[in-house]
Amino acid sequence: MAKVAEDKSYTYMIRCEDDSIYTGITKDVERRMQEHKSRGKECAKYTRTHHFLRLEAVFEAQSWSDAAKLEYAIKRLSRKQKEELIAQPSLVNEMFVGKLSGCGFVPMVVK
């Protein structure tokens, strides 16, 4: 799992059992993945019915606002573009240059 820093926020992409891709934000990646896996009241409505399979990508942002902007931008990508971002997380800043001015994102290692 990605290491958590207290003042950072994270945008993440998970693969669901039906091969769909869910994108969300959190301040604690490990805790959030456990919530998605549990399918309890804390998990997202989407992952309650589209069960969590694995964490695919995590991007560190400097603020919650930046993480939310990236989440919104990723959700607007085509499936093909999402798959490209999962395959090459280092493309995150290139893909959104000009759209997310002033924001910088660091791809995290997913284990």
C-alpha atoms as a PDB file:
ATOM      1  CA  MET A   1       0.000   0.000   0.000  1.00  0.00           C
ATOM      2  CA  ALA A   2       1.007   3.591  -0.461  1.00  0.00           C
ATOM      3  CA  LYS A   3       2.650   5.266   2.524  1.00  0.00           C
ATOM      4  CA  VAL A   4       0.488   7.940   4.145  1.00  0.00           C
ATOM      5  CA  ALA A   5       1.754  11.415   5.092  1.00  0.00           C
ATOM      6  CA  GLU A   6      -0.502  13.385   7.425  1.00  0.00           C
ATOM      7  CA  ASP A   7      -0.776  16.628   5.428  1.00  0.00           C
ATOM      8  CA  LYS A   8      -1.154  15.012   2.015  1.00  0.00           C
ATOM      9  CA  SER A   9      -4.227  13.847   0.158  1.00  0.00           C
ATOM     10  CA  TYR A  10      -4.445  11.050  -2.360  1.00  0.00           C
ATOM     11  CA  THR A  11      -6.434  10.277  -5.471  1.00  0.00           C
ATOM     12  CA  TYR A  12      -6.692   6.558  -6.109  1.00  0.00           C
ATOM     13  CA  MET A  13      -8.004   4.194  -8.760  1.00  0.00           C
ATOM     14  CA  ILE A  14      -9.278   0.729  -7.908  1.00  0.00           C
ATOM     15  CA  ARG A  15     -10.312  -2.158 -10.100  1.00  0.00           C
ATOM     16  CA  CYS A  16     -13.619  -3.806  -9.279  1.00  0.00           C
ATOM     17  CA  GLU A  17     -14.551  -7.455  -9.813  1.00  0.00           C
ATOM     18  CA  ASP A  18     -16.600  -6.539 -12.901  1.00  0.00           C
ATOM     19  CA  ASP A  19     -13.443  -4.889 -14.356  1.00  0.00           C
ATOM     20  CA  SER A  20     -14.817  -1.380 -13.849  1.00  0.00           C
ATOM     21  CA  ILE A  21     -12.501   1.329 -12.486  1.00  0.00           C
ATOM     22  CA  TYR A  22     -13.503   3.440  -9.487  1.00  0.00           C
ATOM     23  CA  THR A  23     -11.693   6.674  -8.640  1.00  0.00           C
ATOM     24  CA  GLY A  24     -11.782   8.351  -5.225  1.00  0.00           C
ATOM     25  CA  ILE A  25      -9.853  10.547  -2.789  1.00  0.00           C
ATOM     26  CA  THR A  26      -8.650  10.043   0.753  1.00  0.00           C
ATOM     27  CA  LYS A  27      -6.148  11.167   3.357  1.00  0.00           C
ATOM     28  CA  ASP A  28      -5.425   7.560   4.408  1.00  0.00           C
ATOM     29  CA  VAL A  29      -5.097   5.053   1.559  1.00  0.00           C
ATOM     30  CA  GLU A  30      -4.831   1.906   3.708  1.00  0.00           C
ATOM     31  CA  ARG A  31      -7.898   2.777   5.773  1.00  0.00           C
ATOM     32  CA  ARG A  32      -9.913   3.657   2.670  1.00  0.00           C
ATOM     33  CA  MET A  33      -9.034   0.384   0.939  1.00  0.00           C
ATOM     34  CA  GLN A  34     -10.211  -1.532   4.023  1.00  0.00           C
ATOM     35  CA  GLU A  35     -13.488   0.410   3.899  1.00  0.00           C
ATOM     36  CA  HIS A  36     -13.994  -0.517   0.238  1.00  0.00           C
ATOM     37  CA  LYS A  37     -13.160  -4.172   0.958  1.00  0.00           C
ATOM     38  CA  SER A  38     -15.563  -4.336   3.902  1.00  0.00           C
ATOM     39  CA  ARG A  39     -18.550  -3.075   1.882  1.00  0.00           C
ATOM     40  CA  GLY A  40     -19.841  -1.549   5.109  1.00  0.00           C
ATOM     41  CA  LYS A  41     -21.472   1.839   5.578  1.00  0.00           C
ATOM     42  CA  GLU A  42     -18.119   3.653   5.135  1.00  0.00           C
ATOM     43  CA  CYS A  43     -17.436   2.294   1.663  1.00  0.00           C
ATOM     44  CA  ALA A  44     -18.567   4.111  -1.453  1.00  0.00           C
ATOM     45  CA  LYS A  45     -22.033   3.283  -2.716  1.00  0.00           C
ATOM     46  CA  TYR A  46     -20.452   2.193  -6.015  1.00  0.00           C
ATOM     47  CA  THR A  47     -18.052  -0.307  -4.427  1.00  0.00           C
ATOM     48  CA  ARG A  48     -20.861  -1.808  -2.363  1.00  0.00           C
ATOM     49  CA  THR A  49     -22.307  -3.199  -5.602  1.00  0.00           C
ATOM     50  CA  HIS A  50     -19.107  -3.305  -7.712  1.00  0.00           C
ATOM     51  CA  HIS A  51     -16.837  -5.190  -5.323  1.00  0.00           C
ATOM     52  CA  PHE A  52     -13.231  -4.127  -4.739  1.00  0.00           C
ATOM     53  CA  LEU A  53     -10.632  -6.291  -6.465  1.00  0.00           C
ATOM     54  CA  ARG A  54      -7.356  -4.365  -6.198  1.00  0.00           C
ATOM     55  CA  LEU A  55      -5.753  -0.949  -5.889  1.00  0.00           C
ATOM     56  CA  GLU A  56      -4.405   0.079  -9.306  1.00  0.00           C
ATOM     57  CA  ALA A  57      -2.928   3.570  -8.882  1.00  0.00           C
ATOM     58  CA  VAL A  58      -2.368   6.229  -6.220  1.00  0.00           C
ATOM     59  CA  PHE A  59      -1.412   9.859  -6.791  1.00  0.00           C
ATOM     60  CA  GLU A  60      -0.216  12.124  -3.997  1.00  0.00           C
ATOM     61  CA  ALA A  61      -1.523  15.697  -4.034  1.00  0.00           C
ATOM     62  CA  GLN A  62      -0.485  18.693  -1.957  1.00  0.00           C
ATOM     63  CA  SER A  63      -4.044  19.369  -0.764  1.00  0.00           C
ATOM     64  CA  TRP A  64      -7.535  17.894  -0.591  1.00  0.00           C
ATOM     65  CA  SER A  65      -8.602  20.426  -3.209  1.00  0.00           C
ATOM     66  CA  ASP A  66      -5.916  19.272  -5.662  1.00  0.00           C
ATOM     67  CA  ALA A  67      -6.806  15.617  -5.045  1.00  0.00           C
ATOM     68  CA  ALA A  68     -10.484  16.406  -5.714  1.00  0.00           C
ATOM     69  CA  LYS A  69      -9.587  18.192  -8.962  1.00  0.00           C
ATOM     70  CA  LEU A  70      -7.604  15.177 -10.119  1.00  0.00           C
ATOM     71  CA  GLU A  71     -10.415  12.808  -9.135  1.00  0.00           C
ATOM     72  CA  TYR A  72     -12.868  14.843 -11.208  1.00  0.00           C
ATOM     73  CA  ALA A  73     -10.492  14.950 -14.180  1.00  0.00           C
ATOM     74  CA  ILE A  74      -9.852  11.193 -14.075  1.00  0.00           C
ATOM     75  CA  LYS A  75     -13.567  10.445 -13.877  1.00  0.00           C
ATOM     76  CA  ARG A  76     -14.014  12.358 -17.140  1.00  0.00           C
ATOM     77  CA  LEU A  77     -11.416  10.237 -18.985  1.00  0.00           C
ATOM     78  CA  SER A  78     -12.405   7.482 -21.370  1.00  0.00           C
ATOM     79  CA  ARG A  79     -11.865   3.914 -20.230  1.00  0.00           C
ATOM     80  CA  LYS A  80      -8.904   3.649 -22.618  1.00  0.00           C
ATOM     81  CA  GLN A  81      -7.306   6.750 -21.079  1.00  0.00           C
ATOM     82  CA  LYS A  82      -7.871   5.407 -17.558  1.00  0.00           C
ATOM     83  CA  GLU A  83      -6.172   2.145 -18.527  1.00  0.00           C
ATOM     84  CA  GLU A  84      -3.239   4.134 -19.978  1.00  0.00           C
ATOM     85  CA  LEU A  85      -2.930   6.084 -16.725  1.00  0.00           C
ATOM     86  CA  ILE A  86      -2.964   2.853 -14.704  1.00  0.00           C
ATOM     87  CA  ALA A  87      -0.312   1.340 -16.995  1.00  0.00           C
ATOM     88  CA  GLN A  88       1.861   4.475 -16.846  1.00  0.00           C
ATOM     89  CA  PRO A  89       1.066   6.486 -13.685  1.00  0.00           C
ATOM     90  CA  SER A  90       3.978   8.828 -14.457  1.00  0.00           C
ATOM     91  CA  LEU A  91       1.798  10.331 -17.232  1.00  0.00           C
ATOM     92  CA  VAL A  92      -0.498  11.950 -14.664  1.00  0.00           C
ATOM     93  CA  ASN A  93       0.967  15.453 -14.925  1.00  0.00           C
ATOM     94  CA  GLU A  94       1.281  15.293 -18.729  1.00  0.00           C
ATOM     95  CA  MET A  95      -2.321  14.155 -19.199  1.00  0.00           C
ATOM     96  CA  PHE A  96      -3.734  17.113 -17.303  1.00  0.00           C
ATOM     97  CA  VAL A  97      -1.291  19.897 -18.178  1.00  0.00           C
ATOM     98  CA  GLY A  98      -3.246  23.119 -18.567  1.00  0.00           C
ATOM     99  CA  LYS A  99      -6.404  21.614 -17.062  1.00  0.00           C
ATOM    100  CA  LEU A 100      -5.116  21.499 -13.496  1.00  0.00           C
ATOM    101  CA  SER A 101      -2.880  24.554 -13.402  1.00  0.00           C
ATOM    102  CA  GLY A 102      -0.795  24.882 -10.274  1.00  0.00           C
ATOM    103  CA  CYS A 103      -1.437  21.281  -9.237  1.00  0.00           C
ATOM    104  CA  GLY A 104       1.303  18.682  -9.188  1.00  0.00           C
ATOM    105  CA  PHE A 105       0.825  14.994  -8.532  1.00  0.00           C
ATOM    106  CA  VAL A 106       3.288  12.304  -7.546  1.00  0.00           C
ATOM    107  CA  PRO A 107       2.485   8.707  -8.554  1.00  0.00           C
ATOM    108  CA  MET A 108       2.901   6.360  -5.587  1.00  0.00           C
ATOM    109  CA  VAL A 109       4.121   2.774  -5.740  1.00  0.00           C
ATOM    110  CA  VAL A 110       1.242   0.316  -5.448  1.00  0.00           C
ATOM    111  CA  LYS A 111       2.088  -3.107  -3.994  1.00  0.00           C
END
